[in-house]
Amino acid sequence: PGIAISNLLKNLLQKNASFSQTLVLKVLSSLFTLLSRVHAQGIAWNDVKMEHIFWDETTNTLSFIDWGNGLFFDPAEELHPQHPVNLDYQQFISEGNLLLNQIAPELISEIDWPQDASNLTPEVLLQLQHRVEYMEAHLTMRVKEYQLAFDKSSRQVDSWPSCRIFSSSNKRWESWACRYNPRPLCSPPGAL
């Protein structure tokens, strides 16, 4: 269930809508977790693409599909440049670059996302994973804080001009995944 991240991205761009930074970071963080888990079991995905990652907004979950190109390997074998694990991470870094450049280029420097996969080491990947997870947690907490502030402030909106100011602030925060659904109070005069 859900929609491929690549299709979600196309739909949002066609509608000139935003794709939240929180969702971008959730995709990247989830990929780190997934790859770590399957690699520990001796499985390489070998087809890391945004078309194969599905987002279900109703359950707030990601699904990973199309394992037909998957490869089995001995998890104890030494890594080398063409090892399936390294190929997965090279594909991941490349797909992550596309996603970040299209949706949230400002995050590239904030999480120090590599522009290419030439210098990947397990240590570099672990540090990158920690930065992505930290930023995801940080933005998620900011979203919660703003949602609480929205709720508190919305109870104090008592006129059409103040509602317009409140709504304009909402647009800035939507990029972080904050959404506020105005109460009927926020209807223009005479519309109620």
Protein backbone atom coordinates (compact mmCIF):
# COMPACT_ATOMS: atom_id res chain seq x y z
CA PRO A 1 0.00 0.00 0.00
CA GLY A 2 0.98 3.59 -0.48
CA ILE A 3 2.72 5.47 -3.27
CA ALA A 4 6.27 5.23 -4.59
CA ILE A 5 8.46 8.07 -3.34
CA SER A 6 9.33 8.87 -6.97
CA ASN A 7 5.62 9.15 -7.89
CA LEU A 8 4.81 11.12 -4.75
CA LEU A 9 7.59 13.51 -5.69
CA LYS A 10 6.27 13.89 -9.26
CA ASN A 11 2.71 14.49 -8.01
CA LEU A 12 3.80 17.11 -5.50
CA LEU A 13 5.99 18.91 -8.03
CA GLN A 14 3.13 18.97 -10.56
CA LYS A 15 0.85 20.50 -7.94
CA ASN A 16 3.62 22.86 -6.79
CA ALA A 17 3.17 21.37 -3.31
CA SER A 18 5.84 20.72 -0.70
CA PHE A 19 7.53 17.48 0.27
CA SER A 20 8.45 17.75 3.93
CA GLN A 21 12.04 17.64 5.08
CA THR A 22 10.92 15.26 7.79
CA LEU A 23 9.73 12.74 5.19
CA VAL A 24 12.98 13.08 3.22
CA LEU A 25 14.95 12.32 6.37
CA LYS A 26 12.61 9.45 7.28
CA VAL A 27 13.26 7.87 3.87
CA LEU A 28 17.04 8.22 4.26
CA SER A 29 17.03 7.02 7.87
CA SER A 30 14.81 4.03 7.03
CA LEU A 31 17.11 3.07 4.17
CA PHE A 32 20.09 3.06 6.51
CA THR A 33 18.19 0.80 8.91
CA LEU A 34 16.95 -1.51 6.15
CA LEU A 35 20.33 -1.92 4.49
CA SER A 36 22.05 -2.55 7.80
CA ARG A 37 19.53 -5.26 8.71
CA VAL A 38 19.51 -7.08 5.37
CA HIS A 39 23.29 -6.87 4.98
CA ALA A 40 23.69 -8.48 8.43
CA GLN A 41 21.66 -11.39 7.05
CA GLY A 42 23.83 -11.70 3.92
CA ILE A 43 21.37 -10.06 1.52
CA ALA A 44 22.06 -7.13 -0.79
CA TRP A 45 19.08 -5.30 -2.34
CA ASN A 46 21.05 -4.41 -5.48
CA ASP A 47 18.29 -2.13 -6.77
CA VAL A 48 18.07 0.86 -4.41
CA LYS A 49 15.70 3.29 -6.17
CA MET A 50 13.02 5.72 -5.04
CA GLU A 51 10.58 3.85 -7.33
CA HIS A 52 10.97 0.88 -4.98
CA ILE A 53 10.24 2.77 -1.76
CA PHE A 54 6.57 3.25 -0.93
CA TRP A 55 5.12 5.75 1.54
CA ASP A 56 1.79 5.03 3.24
CA GLU A 57 0.60 8.32 4.72
CA THR A 58 -2.25 6.69 6.65
CA THR A 59 0.11 4.47 8.66
CA ASN A 60 3.19 6.73 8.44
CA THR A 61 5.26 3.79 7.17
CA LEU A 62 7.64 2.98 4.34
CA SER A 63 7.72 -0.28 2.35
CA PHE A 64 10.58 -1.52 0.21
CA ILE A 65 9.71 -3.55 -2.86
CA ASP A 66 11.33 -5.31 -5.84
CA TRP A 67 13.95 -7.60 -4.42
CA GLY A 68 14.28 -9.49 -7.73
CA ASN A 69 17.85 -8.27 -8.24
CA GLY A 70 18.80 -9.16 -4.68
CA LEU A 71 22.03 -11.00 -4.04
CA PHE A 72 23.12 -13.36 -1.31
CA PHE A 73 26.60 -13.12 0.14
CA ASP A 74 28.56 -14.33 3.15
CA PRO A 75 28.30 -11.55 5.79
CA ALA A 76 31.74 -12.60 7.10
CA GLU A 77 33.51 -11.99 3.78
CA GLU A 78 35.76 -8.96 3.51
CA LEU A 79 34.35 -5.89 1.79
CA HIS A 80 35.89 -4.78 -1.50
CA PRO A 81 34.87 -2.03 -3.96
CA GLN A 82 32.56 -4.30 -5.98
CA HIS A 83 31.08 -6.09 -2.96
CA PRO A 84 27.25 -6.11 -3.03
CA VAL A 85 27.12 -4.14 0.23
CA ASN A 86 29.22 -1.34 -1.28
CA LEU A 87 27.09 -1.36 -4.43
CA ASP A 88 23.92 -0.96 -2.31
CA TYR A 89 25.40 2.03 -0.52
CA GLN A 90 26.65 3.57 -3.78
CA GLN A 91 23.12 3.31 -5.20
CA PHE A 92 21.72 4.70 -1.94
CA ILE A 93 24.07 7.72 -1.95
CA SER A 94 23.21 8.42 -5.59
CA GLU A 95 19.43 8.16 -5.01
CA GLY A 96 19.76 10.23 -1.83
CA ASN A 97 21.55 12.93 -3.81
CA LEU A 98 18.71 13.07 -6.33
CA LEU A 99 16.08 13.25 -3.60
CA LEU A 100 17.91 15.89 -1.57
CA ASN A 101 18.79 18.06 -4.57
CA GLN A 102 15.17 18.06 -5.78
CA ILE A 103 13.42 18.48 -2.45
CA ALA A 104 15.66 19.79 0.30
CA PRO A 105 19.04 20.99 -1.00
CA GLU A 106 19.60 22.88 2.26
CA LEU A 107 19.78 19.53 4.07
CA ILE A 108 22.80 18.41 2.00
CA SER A 109 25.18 20.64 3.93
CA GLU A 110 23.34 20.22 7.24
CA ILE A 111 23.81 16.45 7.23
CA ASP A 112 26.99 16.58 5.12
CA TRP A 113 25.54 14.22 2.51
CA PRO A 114 28.34 13.02 0.17
CA GLN A 115 28.15 14.14 -3.45
CA ASP A 116 29.54 10.80 -4.59
CA ALA A 117 30.18 7.40 -3.12
CA SER A 118 33.89 7.18 -3.90
CA ASN A 119 35.15 7.57 -0.31
CA LEU A 120 32.61 5.47 1.54
CA THR A 121 33.86 3.46 4.46
CA PRO A 122 31.82 1.77 7.18
CA GLU A 123 32.86 4.59 9.54
CA VAL A 124 31.78 7.32 7.09
CA LEU A 125 28.44 5.58 6.55
CA LEU A 126 27.85 5.18 10.29
CA GLN A 127 28.57 8.88 10.89
CA LEU A 128 26.25 9.84 8.03
CA GLN A 129 23.53 7.57 9.42
CA HIS A 130 23.86 9.22 12.84
CA ARG A 131 23.62 12.71 11.33
CA VAL A 132 20.51 11.75 9.34
CA GLU A 133 18.85 10.13 12.37
CA TYR A 134 19.72 13.11 14.58
CA MET A 135 18.31 15.61 12.05
CA GLU A 136 15.16 13.50 11.61
CA ALA A 137 14.62 13.39 15.39
CA HIS A 138 15.39 17.11 15.70
CA LEU A 139 12.91 18.13 12.98
CA THR A 140 10.28 15.73 14.29
CA MET A 141 10.55 17.37 17.72
CA ARG A 142 10.34 20.85 16.14
CA VAL A 143 7.20 19.76 14.30
CA LYS A 144 5.63 18.64 17.58
CA GLU A 145 6.61 21.92 19.25
CA TYR A 146 5.06 23.97 16.44
CA GLN A 147 1.93 21.85 16.41
CA LEU A 148 1.51 22.53 20.12
CA ALA A 149 2.15 26.25 19.52
CA PHE A 150 -0.42 26.20 16.68
CA ASP A 151 -3.01 24.61 18.93
CA LYS A 152 -2.38 27.12 21.70
CA SER A 153 -2.30 30.13 19.35
CA SER A 154 -5.35 29.03 17.39
CA ARG A 155 -7.44 29.24 20.53
CA GLN A 156 -6.44 32.91 20.72
CA VAL A 157 -7.29 33.80 17.10
CA ASP A 158 -10.35 35.98 17.38
CA SER A 159 -10.47 38.05 14.20
CA TRP A 160 -10.06 37.72 10.44
CA PRO A 161 -6.81 39.84 10.29
CA SER A 162 -5.13 37.81 13.04
CA CYS A 163 -6.27 34.60 11.34
CA ARG A 164 -4.59 35.73 8.08
CA ILE A 165 -1.32 36.37 9.94
CA PHE A 166 -1.61 32.98 11.62
CA SER A 167 -2.27 31.25 8.27
CA SER A 168 0.73 32.91 6.58
CA SER A 169 3.01 31.54 9.32
CA ASN A 170 1.53 28.11 8.70
CA LYS A 171 2.91 28.08 5.12
CA ARG A 172 6.50 28.46 6.34
CA TRP A 173 6.15 25.61 8.80
CA GLU A 174 4.59 23.22 6.29
CA SER A 175 8.02 22.56 4.82
CA TRP A 176 8.88 20.87 8.12
CA ALA A 177 5.66 18.79 7.99
CA CYS A 178 3.64 21.05 10.33
CA ARG A 179 0.10 21.35 9.16
CA TYR A 180 -2.66 23.27 10.82
CA ASN A 181 -6.28 22.87 9.82
CA PRO A 182 -7.97 26.19 10.54
CA ARG A 183 -11.15 26.15 12.55
CA PRO A 184 -14.31 27.69 11.11
CA LEU A 185 -13.27 30.87 12.93
CA CYS A 186 -10.69 31.40 10.18
CA SER A 187 -13.25 32.03 7.48
CA PRO A 188 -13.44 35.48 5.88
CA PRO A 189 -16.12 37.77 7.27
CA GLY A 190 -19.55 36.84 5.96
CA ALA A 191 -18.49 33.32 4.91
CA LEU A 192 -19.85 31.59 8.00
